[in-house]
Amino acid sequence: MALRDAAWPALAVAAVLGFWALGARNRLVALRNAVSAAWAQADEAQRRRGEGIEQLVAALRAPLADEQGALDALWSAHAASARAAGAMSARPLAQANAAAWTEAERHLVAAATRVLALADGQAQALAGCADVQAARAAWVEAGERLRFARQLYNDAAAAHDEAIAVFPTSLLSPVFGLRAAGRL
């Protein structure tokens, strides 16, 4: 009978620890899902900006016929960014994917800046071209949305990383295979 009475406190402690572990895991999963949802917003903004790039390249092919290399570089950078975004969509918390997408975005912005500078150099010739103005406006608007979405992603990733690093949840992180998220 004494052994039976001693088992109740041990069972109670085990139950409390079990419920705590389950609650902690659910919180970590919710934070992981928040990072994935934030990436989905960034991916959508990136896709919209990609549509703007397609419009911009199409609108500038004729006026910038002498600068096809710059337009091709922009198109290649856009394709590389889209590939990196696809990898990021598959694993939105992977640091390597975030770093690859960030690098691809850096190249894309550099190529777009060059093309837009070339377009500015042809401002008089492009003054009446509504397609170029619309594509430029779409690029700027999508860029703003992307900046906001990147900030949302980074905030969600920071909350996720903080949760997996704080004791006692940090004890469960390796058990559940949770690692720090990358930053955009």
Protein backbone atom coordinates (compact mmCIF):
# COMPACT_ATOMS: atom_id res chain seq x y z
CA MET A 1 0.00 0.00 0.00
CA ALA A 2 2.88 2.41 0.80
CA LEU A 3 4.41 1.77 -2.62
CA ARG A 4 1.12 2.56 -4.27
CA ASP A 5 0.79 5.86 -2.39
CA ALA A 6 4.33 6.86 -3.42
CA ALA A 7 3.53 6.30 -7.10
CA TRP A 8 0.84 9.01 -7.23
CA PRO A 9 3.21 11.97 -6.82
CA ALA A 10 5.55 10.50 -9.45
CA LEU A 11 2.62 10.04 -11.83
CA ALA A 12 1.46 13.59 -11.16
CA VAL A 13 4.92 14.98 -11.92
CA ALA A 14 5.15 12.88 -15.07
CA ALA A 15 1.70 14.08 -16.18
CA VAL A 16 2.61 17.73 -15.58
CA LEU A 17 5.86 17.33 -17.51
CA GLY A 18 4.05 15.51 -20.31
CA PHE A 19 1.41 18.23 -20.63
CA TRP A 20 4.10 20.92 -20.49
CA ALA A 21 6.08 19.18 -23.27
CA LEU A 22 2.95 18.85 -25.38
CA GLY A 23 2.07 22.53 -24.88
CA ALA A 24 5.64 23.62 -25.63
CA ARG A 25 5.69 21.53 -28.81
CA ASN A 26 2.38 23.00 -29.93
CA ARG A 27 3.72 26.53 -29.35
CA LEU A 28 6.85 25.77 -31.34
CA VAL A 29 4.80 24.29 -34.17
CA ALA A 30 2.59 27.41 -34.18
CA LEU A 31 5.68 29.62 -34.39
CA ARG A 32 7.10 27.47 -37.21
CA ASN A 33 3.80 27.80 -39.06
CA ALA A 34 3.89 31.58 -38.54
CA VAL A 35 7.31 31.68 -40.23
CA SER A 36 5.94 29.64 -43.14
CA ALA A 37 2.93 31.95 -43.46
CA ALA A 38 5.20 35.00 -43.41
CA TRP A 39 7.31 33.45 -46.17
CA ALA A 40 4.15 32.84 -48.21
CA GLN A 41 3.47 36.59 -48.09
CA ALA A 42 7.03 37.38 -49.12
CA ASP A 43 6.82 34.83 -51.92
CA GLU A 44 3.60 36.37 -53.20
CA ALA A 45 5.18 39.84 -53.19
CA GLN A 46 8.22 38.44 -54.98
CA ARG A 47 5.99 36.83 -57.62
CA ARG A 48 4.13 40.08 -58.22
CA ARG A 49 7.41 41.92 -58.57
CA GLY A 50 8.48 39.23 -61.03
CA GLU A 51 5.42 40.00 -63.14
CA GLY A 52 6.51 43.64 -63.07
CA ILE A 53 9.97 42.61 -64.24
CA GLU A 54 8.46 40.69 -67.14
CA GLN A 55 6.47 43.78 -68.12
CA LEU A 56 9.50 46.02 -67.73
CA VAL A 57 11.75 43.82 -69.86
CA ALA A 58 9.07 43.50 -72.55
CA ALA A 59 8.47 47.26 -72.58
CA LEU A 60 12.20 48.08 -72.76
CA ARG A 61 13.28 45.52 -75.39
CA ALA A 62 12.74 47.93 -78.31
CA PRO A 63 13.77 51.25 -76.70
CA LEU A 64 16.91 49.74 -75.17
CA ALA A 65 17.86 47.59 -78.15
CA ASP A 66 21.53 48.52 -77.63
CA GLU A 67 21.41 47.32 -74.02
CA GLN A 68 20.15 43.75 -74.47
CA GLY A 69 22.93 42.50 -72.18
CA ALA A 70 21.50 44.47 -69.27
CA LEU A 71 17.99 43.23 -69.99
CA ASP A 72 19.23 39.65 -70.27
CA ALA A 73 21.10 40.04 -66.96
CA LEU A 74 17.88 41.28 -65.34
CA TRP A 75 15.97 38.34 -66.79
CA SER A 76 18.61 35.87 -65.55
CA ALA A 77 18.63 37.44 -62.09
CA HIS A 78 14.83 37.22 -62.02
CA ALA A 79 15.00 33.51 -62.91
CA ALA A 80 17.63 32.86 -60.23
CA SER A 81 15.51 34.66 -57.65
CA ALA A 82 12.46 32.61 -58.65
CA ARG A 83 14.46 29.37 -58.29
CA ALA A 84 15.73 30.42 -54.87
CA ALA A 85 12.17 31.34 -53.87
CA GLY A 86 11.03 27.87 -54.90
CA ALA A 87 13.65 26.30 -52.64
CA MET A 88 12.61 28.66 -49.87
CA SER A 89 8.97 27.65 -50.32
CA ALA A 90 9.94 24.02 -49.86
CA ARG A 91 11.82 24.73 -46.62
CA PRO A 92 11.08 28.27 -45.36
CA LEU A 93 13.05 27.89 -42.13
CA ALA A 94 16.29 26.63 -43.70
CA GLN A 95 19.09 29.12 -43.20
CA ALA A 96 20.85 28.05 -46.40
CA ASN A 97 17.70 28.67 -48.45
CA ALA A 98 17.20 32.09 -46.88
CA ALA A 99 20.83 33.00 -47.59
CA ALA A 100 20.55 31.81 -51.21
CA TRP A 101 17.34 33.78 -51.77
CA THR A 102 18.82 36.90 -50.18
CA GLU A 103 21.88 36.64 -52.45
CA ALA A 104 19.69 36.11 -55.52
CA GLU A 105 17.61 39.13 -54.53
CA ARG A 106 20.76 41.23 -54.18
CA HIS A 107 21.74 40.35 -57.75
CA LEU A 108 18.20 41.01 -58.98
CA VAL A 109 18.06 44.45 -57.40
CA ALA A 110 21.48 45.32 -58.84
CA ALA A 111 20.40 44.24 -62.33
CA ALA A 112 17.11 46.12 -62.05
CA THR A 113 18.88 49.24 -60.81
CA ARG A 114 21.14 49.12 -63.86
CA VAL A 115 18.22 48.68 -66.26
CA LEU A 116 16.24 51.48 -64.60
CA ALA A 117 19.28 53.75 -64.79
CA LEU A 118 19.58 52.96 -68.51
CA ALA A 119 15.88 53.74 -68.90
CA ASP A 120 16.40 57.04 -67.09
CA GLY A 121 19.15 57.81 -69.61
CA GLN A 122 16.55 57.39 -72.35
CA ALA A 123 13.91 59.39 -70.47
CA GLN A 124 13.00 61.58 -73.46
CA ALA A 125 12.58 58.60 -75.77
CA LEU A 126 10.51 56.76 -73.16
CA ALA A 127 8.43 59.74 -72.03
CA GLY A 128 5.37 58.71 -74.02
CA CYS A 129 5.69 55.00 -73.31
CA ALA A 130 2.95 54.17 -70.82
CA ASP A 131 4.05 50.53 -70.62
CA VAL A 132 7.44 51.50 -69.22
CA GLN A 133 5.90 53.87 -66.67
CA ALA A 134 3.36 51.24 -65.58
CA ALA A 135 6.06 48.56 -65.30
CA ARG A 136 8.29 50.88 -63.28
CA ALA A 137 5.41 51.74 -60.96
CA ALA A 138 4.62 48.04 -60.53
CA TRP A 139 8.28 47.35 -59.71
CA VAL A 140 8.35 50.07 -57.04
CA GLU A 141 5.02 49.02 -55.48
CA ALA A 142 5.97 45.34 -55.40
CA GLY A 143 9.35 46.24 -53.92
CA GLU A 144 7.63 48.05 -51.06
CA ARG A 145 5.35 45.08 -50.44
CA LEU A 146 8.33 42.77 -50.51
CA ARG A 147 10.20 44.88 -47.95
CA PHE A 148 7.19 44.73 -45.64
CA ALA A 149 6.81 40.98 -46.14
CA ARG A 150 10.51 40.42 -45.48
CA GLN A 151 10.18 42.31 -42.21
CA LEU A 152 7.20 40.15 -41.23
CA TYR A 153 9.22 37.03 -42.04
CA ASN A 154 12.21 38.24 -40.04
CA ASP A 155 9.99 39.09 -37.06
CA ALA A 156 8.34 35.65 -37.18
CA ALA A 157 11.75 33.97 -37.53
CA ALA A 158 13.08 35.93 -34.55
CA ALA A 159 10.10 34.87 -32.41
CA HIS A 160 10.63 31.26 -33.50
CA ASP A 161 14.35 31.38 -32.74
CA GLU A 162 13.79 32.99 -29.36
CA ALA A 163 11.27 30.30 -28.42
CA ILE A 164 13.60 27.45 -29.32
CA ALA A 165 16.52 29.06 -27.48
CA VAL A 166 14.80 29.88 -24.19
CA PHE A 167 15.08 27.44 -21.31
CA PRO A 168 13.35 25.02 -20.72
CA THR A 169 11.96 24.88 -24.27
CA SER A 170 15.54 24.72 -25.54
CA LEU A 171 15.66 21.21 -24.08
CA LEU A 172 12.88 20.11 -26.43
CA SER A 173 14.16 21.81 -29.60
CA PRO A 174 16.70 19.11 -30.47
CA VAL A 175 14.19 16.38 -29.66
CA PHE A 176 11.73 17.82 -32.19
CA GLY A 177 14.48 18.67 -34.71
CA LEU A 178 13.92 22.43 -34.53
CA ARG A 179 16.70 24.74 -35.65
CA ALA A 180 17.04 28.47 -35.97
CA ALA A 181 15.40 30.02 -39.00
CA GLY A 182 17.25 32.02 -41.61
CA ARG A 183 16.76 35.74 -42.13
CA LEU A 184 15.85 37.60 -45.26
